[in-house]
N, C-alpha and C. Protein backbone atom coordinates (compact mmCIF):
# COMPACT_ATOMS: atom_id res chain seq x y z
N MET A 1 6.02 -140.64 -15.26
CA MET A 1 6.61 -139.35 -14.95
C MET A 1 7.00 -138.68 -16.26
N GLY A 2 6.84 -137.38 -16.35
CA GLY A 2 7.13 -136.63 -17.57
C GLY A 2 8.61 -136.50 -17.86
N LYS A 3 8.89 -136.15 -19.11
CA LYS A 3 10.25 -136.02 -19.60
C LYS A 3 11.08 -135.05 -18.75
N HIS A 4 10.50 -133.88 -18.48
CA HIS A 4 11.25 -132.86 -17.74
C HIS A 4 11.53 -133.31 -16.30
N LYS A 5 10.57 -133.96 -15.68
CA LYS A 5 10.77 -134.45 -14.31
C LYS A 5 11.85 -135.52 -14.26
N GLU A 6 11.88 -136.40 -15.26
CA GLU A 6 12.92 -137.44 -15.31
C GLU A 6 14.29 -136.82 -15.54
N LEU A 7 14.35 -135.77 -16.35
CA LEU A 7 15.61 -135.07 -16.59
C LEU A 7 16.12 -134.45 -15.28
N ARG A 8 15.23 -133.75 -14.56
CA ARG A 8 15.60 -133.16 -13.26
C ARG A 8 16.08 -134.23 -12.29
N LYS A 9 15.38 -135.33 -12.23
CA LYS A 9 15.72 -136.43 -11.33
C LYS A 9 17.11 -136.98 -11.66
N SER A 10 17.40 -137.15 -12.95
CA SER A 10 18.71 -137.65 -13.37
C SER A 10 19.83 -136.69 -12.98
N ILE A 11 19.59 -135.39 -13.16
CA ILE A 11 20.59 -134.39 -12.79
C ILE A 11 20.79 -134.37 -11.27
N LEU A 12 19.70 -134.41 -10.53
CA LEU A 12 19.78 -134.44 -9.07
C LEU A 12 20.60 -135.65 -8.60
N ASN A 13 20.34 -136.81 -9.17
CA ASN A 13 21.09 -138.01 -8.80
C ASN A 13 22.58 -137.86 -9.09
N LEU A 14 22.92 -137.26 -10.23
CA LEU A 14 24.33 -137.04 -10.56
C LEU A 14 24.98 -136.07 -9.56
N LEU A 15 24.32 -134.94 -9.31
CA LEU A 15 24.90 -133.95 -8.41
C LEU A 15 25.01 -134.46 -6.98
N ASN A 16 24.14 -135.38 -6.60
CA ASN A 16 24.23 -135.97 -5.26
C ASN A 16 25.48 -136.81 -5.08
N GLU A 17 26.17 -137.13 -6.17
CA GLU A 17 27.45 -137.84 -6.07
C GLU A 17 28.54 -136.96 -5.48
N VAL A 18 28.39 -135.63 -5.59
CA VAL A 18 29.40 -134.73 -5.03
C VAL A 18 28.92 -133.99 -3.78
N SER A 19 27.60 -133.92 -3.57
CA SER A 19 27.07 -133.25 -2.39
C SER A 19 25.66 -133.76 -2.10
N SER A 20 25.35 -133.90 -0.84
CA SER A 20 23.99 -134.29 -0.46
C SER A 20 23.08 -133.07 -0.33
N ARG A 21 23.66 -131.88 -0.39
CA ARG A 21 22.88 -130.64 -0.25
C ARG A 21 22.67 -130.01 -1.63
N VAL A 22 21.75 -130.63 -2.39
CA VAL A 22 21.43 -130.20 -3.74
C VAL A 22 19.93 -130.02 -3.84
N SER A 23 19.50 -128.93 -4.48
CA SER A 23 18.07 -128.73 -4.67
C SER A 23 17.80 -128.06 -6.02
N PHE A 24 16.56 -128.19 -6.46
CA PHE A 24 16.12 -127.63 -7.74
C PHE A 24 15.48 -126.27 -7.49
N GLN A 25 15.96 -125.24 -8.15
CA GLN A 25 15.45 -123.87 -8.19
C GLN A 25 15.62 -123.05 -6.92
N LYS A 26 15.52 -123.62 -5.73
CA LYS A 26 15.77 -122.82 -4.53
C LYS A 26 16.33 -123.72 -3.44
N ALA A 27 17.09 -123.11 -2.55
CA ALA A 27 17.73 -123.87 -1.47
C ALA A 27 16.68 -124.38 -0.50
N LYS A 28 16.78 -125.66 -0.18
CA LYS A 28 15.85 -126.25 0.76
C LYS A 28 16.47 -126.39 2.15
N ASN A 29 17.76 -126.20 2.23
CA ASN A 29 18.42 -126.13 3.53
C ASN A 29 19.53 -125.09 3.43
N THR A 30 19.90 -124.55 4.52
CA THR A 30 20.86 -123.45 4.47
C THR A 30 22.23 -123.84 5.00
N GLU A 31 22.44 -125.13 5.24
CA GLU A 31 23.76 -125.57 5.67
C GLU A 31 24.72 -125.45 4.49
N TYR A 32 25.85 -124.83 4.72
CA TYR A 32 26.83 -124.60 3.66
C TYR A 32 27.84 -125.73 3.61
N PRO A 33 28.46 -125.96 2.46
CA PRO A 33 28.12 -125.45 1.14
C PRO A 33 26.90 -126.19 0.58
N TYR A 34 26.22 -125.53 -0.36
CA TYR A 34 25.07 -126.17 -1.00
C TYR A 34 25.01 -125.81 -2.48
N ILE A 35 24.20 -126.58 -3.22
CA ILE A 35 24.07 -126.44 -4.67
C ILE A 35 22.60 -126.26 -5.02
N VAL A 36 22.34 -125.31 -5.91
CA VAL A 36 20.99 -125.09 -6.45
C VAL A 36 21.12 -125.14 -7.98
N PHE A 37 20.19 -125.86 -8.64
CA PHE A 37 20.26 -125.91 -10.09
C PHE A 37 18.91 -125.58 -10.72
N ASP A 38 18.98 -125.18 -11.99
CA ASP A 38 17.78 -124.89 -12.77
C ASP A 38 18.04 -125.29 -14.21
N LEU A 39 16.98 -125.50 -14.97
CA LEU A 39 17.07 -125.91 -16.37
C LEU A 39 16.29 -124.96 -17.25
N GLU A 40 16.84 -124.71 -18.43
CA GLU A 40 16.14 -123.91 -19.44
C GLU A 40 16.25 -124.64 -20.77
N ARG A 41 15.12 -124.87 -21.41
CA ARG A 41 15.12 -125.49 -22.74
C ARG A 41 15.35 -124.39 -23.76
N ILE A 42 16.30 -124.62 -24.66
CA ILE A 42 16.66 -123.61 -25.64
C ILE A 42 15.90 -123.80 -26.94
N ASN A 43 15.69 -125.03 -27.39
CA ASN A 43 14.89 -125.26 -28.59
C ASN A 43 14.18 -126.60 -28.47
N ILE A 44 13.15 -126.78 -29.27
CA ILE A 44 12.38 -128.01 -29.22
C ILE A 44 12.39 -128.64 -30.60
N GLU A 45 13.08 -129.73 -30.73
CA GLU A 45 13.14 -130.52 -31.95
C GLU A 45 13.25 -131.97 -31.50
N GLU A 46 13.65 -132.83 -32.42
CA GLU A 46 13.89 -134.22 -32.03
C GLU A 46 15.00 -134.26 -30.98
N LYS A 47 16.00 -133.41 -31.14
CA LYS A 47 17.07 -133.26 -30.15
C LYS A 47 16.83 -131.94 -29.43
N SER A 48 16.55 -131.98 -28.16
CA SER A 48 16.35 -130.76 -27.39
C SER A 48 17.66 -130.32 -26.76
N ILE A 49 17.88 -129.03 -26.74
CA ILE A 49 19.04 -128.45 -26.11
C ILE A 49 18.58 -127.77 -24.83
N TYR A 50 19.23 -128.07 -23.74
CA TYR A 50 18.94 -127.44 -22.46
C TYR A 50 20.19 -126.74 -21.96
N GLN A 51 19.99 -125.72 -21.15
CA GLN A 51 21.10 -125.15 -20.42
C GLN A 51 20.85 -125.40 -18.94
N LEU A 52 21.82 -126.02 -18.31
CA LEU A 52 21.77 -126.31 -16.89
C LEU A 52 22.57 -125.24 -16.18
N GLU A 53 21.92 -124.53 -15.27
CA GLU A 53 22.62 -123.54 -14.44
C GLU A 53 22.77 -124.12 -13.05
N ILE A 54 24.01 -124.19 -12.60
CA ILE A 54 24.30 -124.71 -11.26
C ILE A 54 24.96 -123.59 -10.47
N ASN A 55 24.33 -123.24 -9.36
CA ASN A 55 24.89 -122.23 -8.46
C ASN A 55 25.33 -122.92 -7.18
N LEU A 56 26.59 -122.70 -6.82
CA LEU A 56 27.17 -123.29 -5.63
C LEU A 56 27.43 -122.17 -4.63
N TYR A 57 27.11 -122.40 -3.36
CA TYR A 57 27.25 -121.37 -2.33
C TYR A 57 27.99 -121.90 -1.11
N ASP A 58 28.79 -121.02 -0.53
CA ASP A 58 29.45 -121.29 0.74
C ASP A 58 29.56 -119.96 1.47
N GLN A 59 29.98 -120.02 2.71
CA GLN A 59 30.17 -118.78 3.45
C GLN A 59 31.52 -118.80 4.14
N GLY A 60 31.99 -117.61 4.49
CA GLY A 60 33.29 -117.48 5.15
C GLY A 60 34.25 -116.71 4.27
N ASP A 61 35.46 -116.55 4.79
CA ASP A 61 36.47 -115.77 4.08
C ASP A 61 37.13 -116.53 2.94
N SER A 62 37.29 -117.83 3.10
CA SER A 62 37.98 -118.63 2.10
C SER A 62 37.01 -119.16 1.04
N THR A 63 37.52 -119.25 -0.17
CA THR A 63 36.72 -119.84 -1.26
C THR A 63 37.21 -121.25 -1.60
N ALA A 64 38.15 -121.78 -0.82
CA ALA A 64 38.78 -123.07 -1.14
C ALA A 64 37.77 -124.20 -1.24
N THR A 65 36.89 -124.33 -0.26
CA THR A 65 35.90 -125.41 -0.27
C THR A 65 34.97 -125.26 -1.46
N LEU A 66 34.54 -124.05 -1.73
CA LEU A 66 33.64 -123.77 -2.84
C LEU A 66 34.31 -124.08 -4.18
N GLU A 67 35.54 -123.66 -4.35
CA GLU A 67 36.29 -123.93 -5.58
C GLU A 67 36.46 -125.43 -5.79
N ASP A 68 36.78 -126.14 -4.71
CA ASP A 68 36.94 -127.60 -4.81
C ASP A 68 35.62 -128.27 -5.22
N LEU A 69 34.51 -127.82 -4.63
CA LEU A 69 33.21 -128.38 -4.96
C LEU A 69 32.86 -128.10 -6.43
N ALA A 70 33.12 -126.88 -6.90
CA ALA A 70 32.86 -126.54 -8.30
C ALA A 70 33.72 -127.39 -9.23
N ASP A 71 34.99 -127.62 -8.84
CA ASP A 71 35.87 -128.49 -9.64
C ASP A 71 35.31 -129.90 -9.72
N GLU A 72 34.80 -130.42 -8.60
CA GLU A 72 34.22 -131.76 -8.58
C GLU A 72 33.01 -131.87 -9.50
N VAL A 73 32.16 -130.84 -9.46
CA VAL A 73 30.97 -130.84 -10.33
C VAL A 73 31.40 -130.81 -11.79
N GLU A 74 32.36 -129.96 -12.12
CA GLU A 74 32.85 -129.89 -13.50
C GLU A 74 33.42 -131.23 -13.96
N GLU A 75 34.24 -131.84 -13.11
CA GLU A 75 34.84 -133.14 -13.46
C GLU A 75 33.77 -134.21 -13.64
N LEU A 76 32.75 -134.17 -12.81
CA LEU A 76 31.67 -135.14 -12.90
C LEU A 76 30.87 -135.00 -14.19
N LEU A 77 30.57 -133.76 -14.58
CA LEU A 77 29.64 -133.53 -15.69
C LEU A 77 30.27 -133.33 -17.06
N ASN A 78 31.47 -132.75 -17.14
CA ASN A 78 32.00 -132.38 -18.44
C ASN A 78 32.19 -133.60 -19.34
N ARG A 79 31.53 -133.56 -20.49
CA ARG A 79 31.57 -134.61 -21.51
C ARG A 79 30.99 -135.94 -21.03
N THR A 80 30.17 -135.87 -19.99
CA THR A 80 29.50 -137.07 -19.49
C THR A 80 28.33 -137.40 -20.40
N VAL A 81 28.13 -138.69 -20.62
CA VAL A 81 26.96 -139.17 -21.35
C VAL A 81 26.18 -140.04 -20.37
N LEU A 82 24.94 -139.63 -20.12
CA LEU A 82 24.07 -140.37 -19.22
C LEU A 82 22.98 -141.04 -20.03
N LYS A 83 22.89 -142.36 -19.92
CA LYS A 83 21.85 -143.11 -20.64
C LYS A 83 21.03 -143.88 -19.62
N ASN A 84 19.72 -143.81 -19.78
CA ASN A 84 18.84 -144.67 -18.99
C ASN A 84 17.59 -144.97 -19.83
N GLU A 85 16.58 -145.56 -19.22
CA GLU A 85 15.40 -145.96 -19.98
C GLU A 85 14.57 -144.78 -20.48
N TYR A 86 14.83 -143.56 -19.96
CA TYR A 86 14.05 -142.38 -20.33
C TYR A 86 14.73 -141.50 -21.37
N HIS A 87 16.06 -141.44 -21.34
CA HIS A 87 16.76 -140.47 -22.19
C HIS A 87 18.26 -140.76 -22.26
N THR A 88 18.89 -140.07 -23.20
CA THR A 88 20.35 -139.97 -23.27
C THR A 88 20.66 -138.48 -23.19
N ILE A 89 21.61 -138.13 -22.32
CA ILE A 89 21.98 -136.73 -22.12
C ILE A 89 23.49 -136.60 -22.26
N ASN A 90 23.93 -135.64 -23.06
CA ASN A 90 25.34 -135.29 -23.17
C ASN A 90 25.56 -133.95 -22.47
N PHE A 91 26.54 -133.88 -21.58
CA PHE A 91 26.83 -132.67 -20.81
C PHE A 91 28.12 -132.03 -21.32
N TYR A 92 28.12 -130.70 -21.47
CA TYR A 92 29.30 -129.96 -21.90
C TYR A 92 29.40 -128.67 -21.09
N ILE A 93 30.52 -128.47 -20.41
CA ILE A 93 30.73 -127.25 -19.63
C ILE A 93 30.81 -126.07 -20.59
N ASN A 94 30.06 -125.02 -20.30
CA ASN A 94 30.03 -123.83 -21.14
C ASN A 94 30.77 -122.68 -20.46
N LYS A 95 30.46 -122.41 -19.19
CA LYS A 95 30.99 -121.20 -18.54
C LYS A 95 31.05 -121.40 -17.03
N ARG A 96 32.02 -120.73 -16.41
CA ARG A 96 32.15 -120.72 -14.95
C ARG A 96 32.49 -119.30 -14.53
N ASN A 97 31.74 -118.78 -13.56
CA ASN A 97 32.06 -117.45 -13.06
C ASN A 97 31.64 -117.31 -11.59
N ASN A 98 32.23 -116.32 -10.94
CA ASN A 98 31.90 -116.03 -9.54
C ASN A 98 30.62 -115.21 -9.49
N LEU A 99 29.84 -115.44 -8.45
CA LEU A 99 28.62 -114.67 -8.22
C LEU A 99 28.92 -113.60 -7.18
N ILE A 100 28.41 -112.40 -7.41
CA ILE A 100 28.57 -111.30 -6.46
C ILE A 100 27.33 -111.29 -5.57
N GLU A 101 27.54 -111.47 -4.29
CA GLU A 101 26.44 -111.53 -3.33
C GLU A 101 26.41 -110.26 -2.48
N GLU A 102 25.21 -109.83 -2.11
CA GLU A 102 25.07 -108.68 -1.21
C GLU A 102 25.70 -108.98 0.14
N ASP A 103 25.49 -110.18 0.63
CA ASP A 103 26.09 -110.63 1.88
C ASP A 103 27.55 -110.98 1.58
N LYS A 104 28.47 -110.15 2.05
CA LYS A 104 29.89 -110.32 1.74
C LYS A 104 30.48 -111.60 2.32
N ASP A 105 29.79 -112.20 3.30
CA ASP A 105 30.25 -113.45 3.88
C ASP A 105 29.86 -114.65 3.02
N LYS A 106 28.90 -114.47 2.11
CA LYS A 106 28.42 -115.55 1.24
C LYS A 106 29.19 -115.52 -0.08
N LYS A 107 29.69 -116.67 -0.48
CA LYS A 107 30.44 -116.81 -1.73
C LYS A 107 29.63 -117.68 -2.69
N GLY A 108 29.76 -117.40 -3.99
CA GLY A 108 29.02 -118.18 -4.97
C GLY A 108 29.78 -118.37 -6.27
N ILE A 109 29.55 -119.51 -6.90
CA ILE A 109 30.09 -119.81 -8.22
C ILE A 109 28.94 -120.32 -9.08
N ARG A 110 28.88 -119.84 -10.31
CA ARG A 110 27.86 -120.28 -11.26
C ARG A 110 28.53 -121.09 -12.37
N LEU A 111 27.97 -122.26 -12.66
CA LEU A 111 28.39 -123.08 -13.78
C LEU A 111 27.24 -123.15 -14.78
N LEU A 112 27.54 -122.92 -16.03
CA LEU A 112 26.56 -123.11 -17.10
C LEU A 112 26.99 -124.31 -17.91
N ILE A 113 26.08 -125.26 -18.06
CA ILE A 113 26.39 -126.50 -18.75
C ILE A 113 25.35 -126.72 -19.83
N ASP A 114 25.82 -126.99 -21.04
CA ASP A 114 24.92 -127.28 -22.15
C ASP A 114 24.61 -128.77 -22.16
N LEU A 115 23.34 -129.09 -22.38
CA LEU A 115 22.89 -130.47 -22.44
C LEU A 115 22.28 -130.76 -23.80
N ASN A 116 22.73 -131.81 -24.44
CA ASN A 116 22.04 -132.36 -25.60
C ASN A 116 21.16 -133.46 -25.07
N TYR A 117 19.86 -133.33 -25.27
CA TYR A 117 18.89 -134.26 -24.70
C TYR A 117 18.22 -135.06 -25.80
N TYR A 118 18.22 -136.37 -25.66
CA TYR A 118 17.55 -137.27 -26.60
C TYR A 118 16.58 -138.13 -25.81
N GLY A 119 15.28 -137.89 -26.01
CA GLY A 119 14.26 -138.67 -25.32
C GLY A 119 14.07 -140.03 -25.96
N ARG A 120 13.57 -140.95 -25.16
CA ARG A 120 13.28 -142.29 -25.66
C ARG A 120 11.78 -142.49 -25.70
N SER A 121 11.32 -143.15 -26.73
CA SER A 121 9.89 -143.39 -26.88
C SER A 121 9.46 -144.64 -26.15
């Protein structure tokens, strides 16, 4: 399996520790709350830098469940070092903000997380 696929798999496994409703790039189920993530590589060197964007969604008037879920994700990932046979990844929380949705019943939070990625040969 390629480097990028293993990175996605590792992130998915981590996020599944806080929610079973996690998908890459687009929602695969619409049961709330759910998490969607994407990756962007910022530079290519021996050490690759990625930005992980995590969007969390819920619906209803209250944001309490969504805020709690975002807090759990932040606690799980911030300053985490993940090592396995494919790579070592360092996670650092960069930014957290609310998402403005057209559907006023839908609530969203975006987390931006910087990743230092070290591949293994």
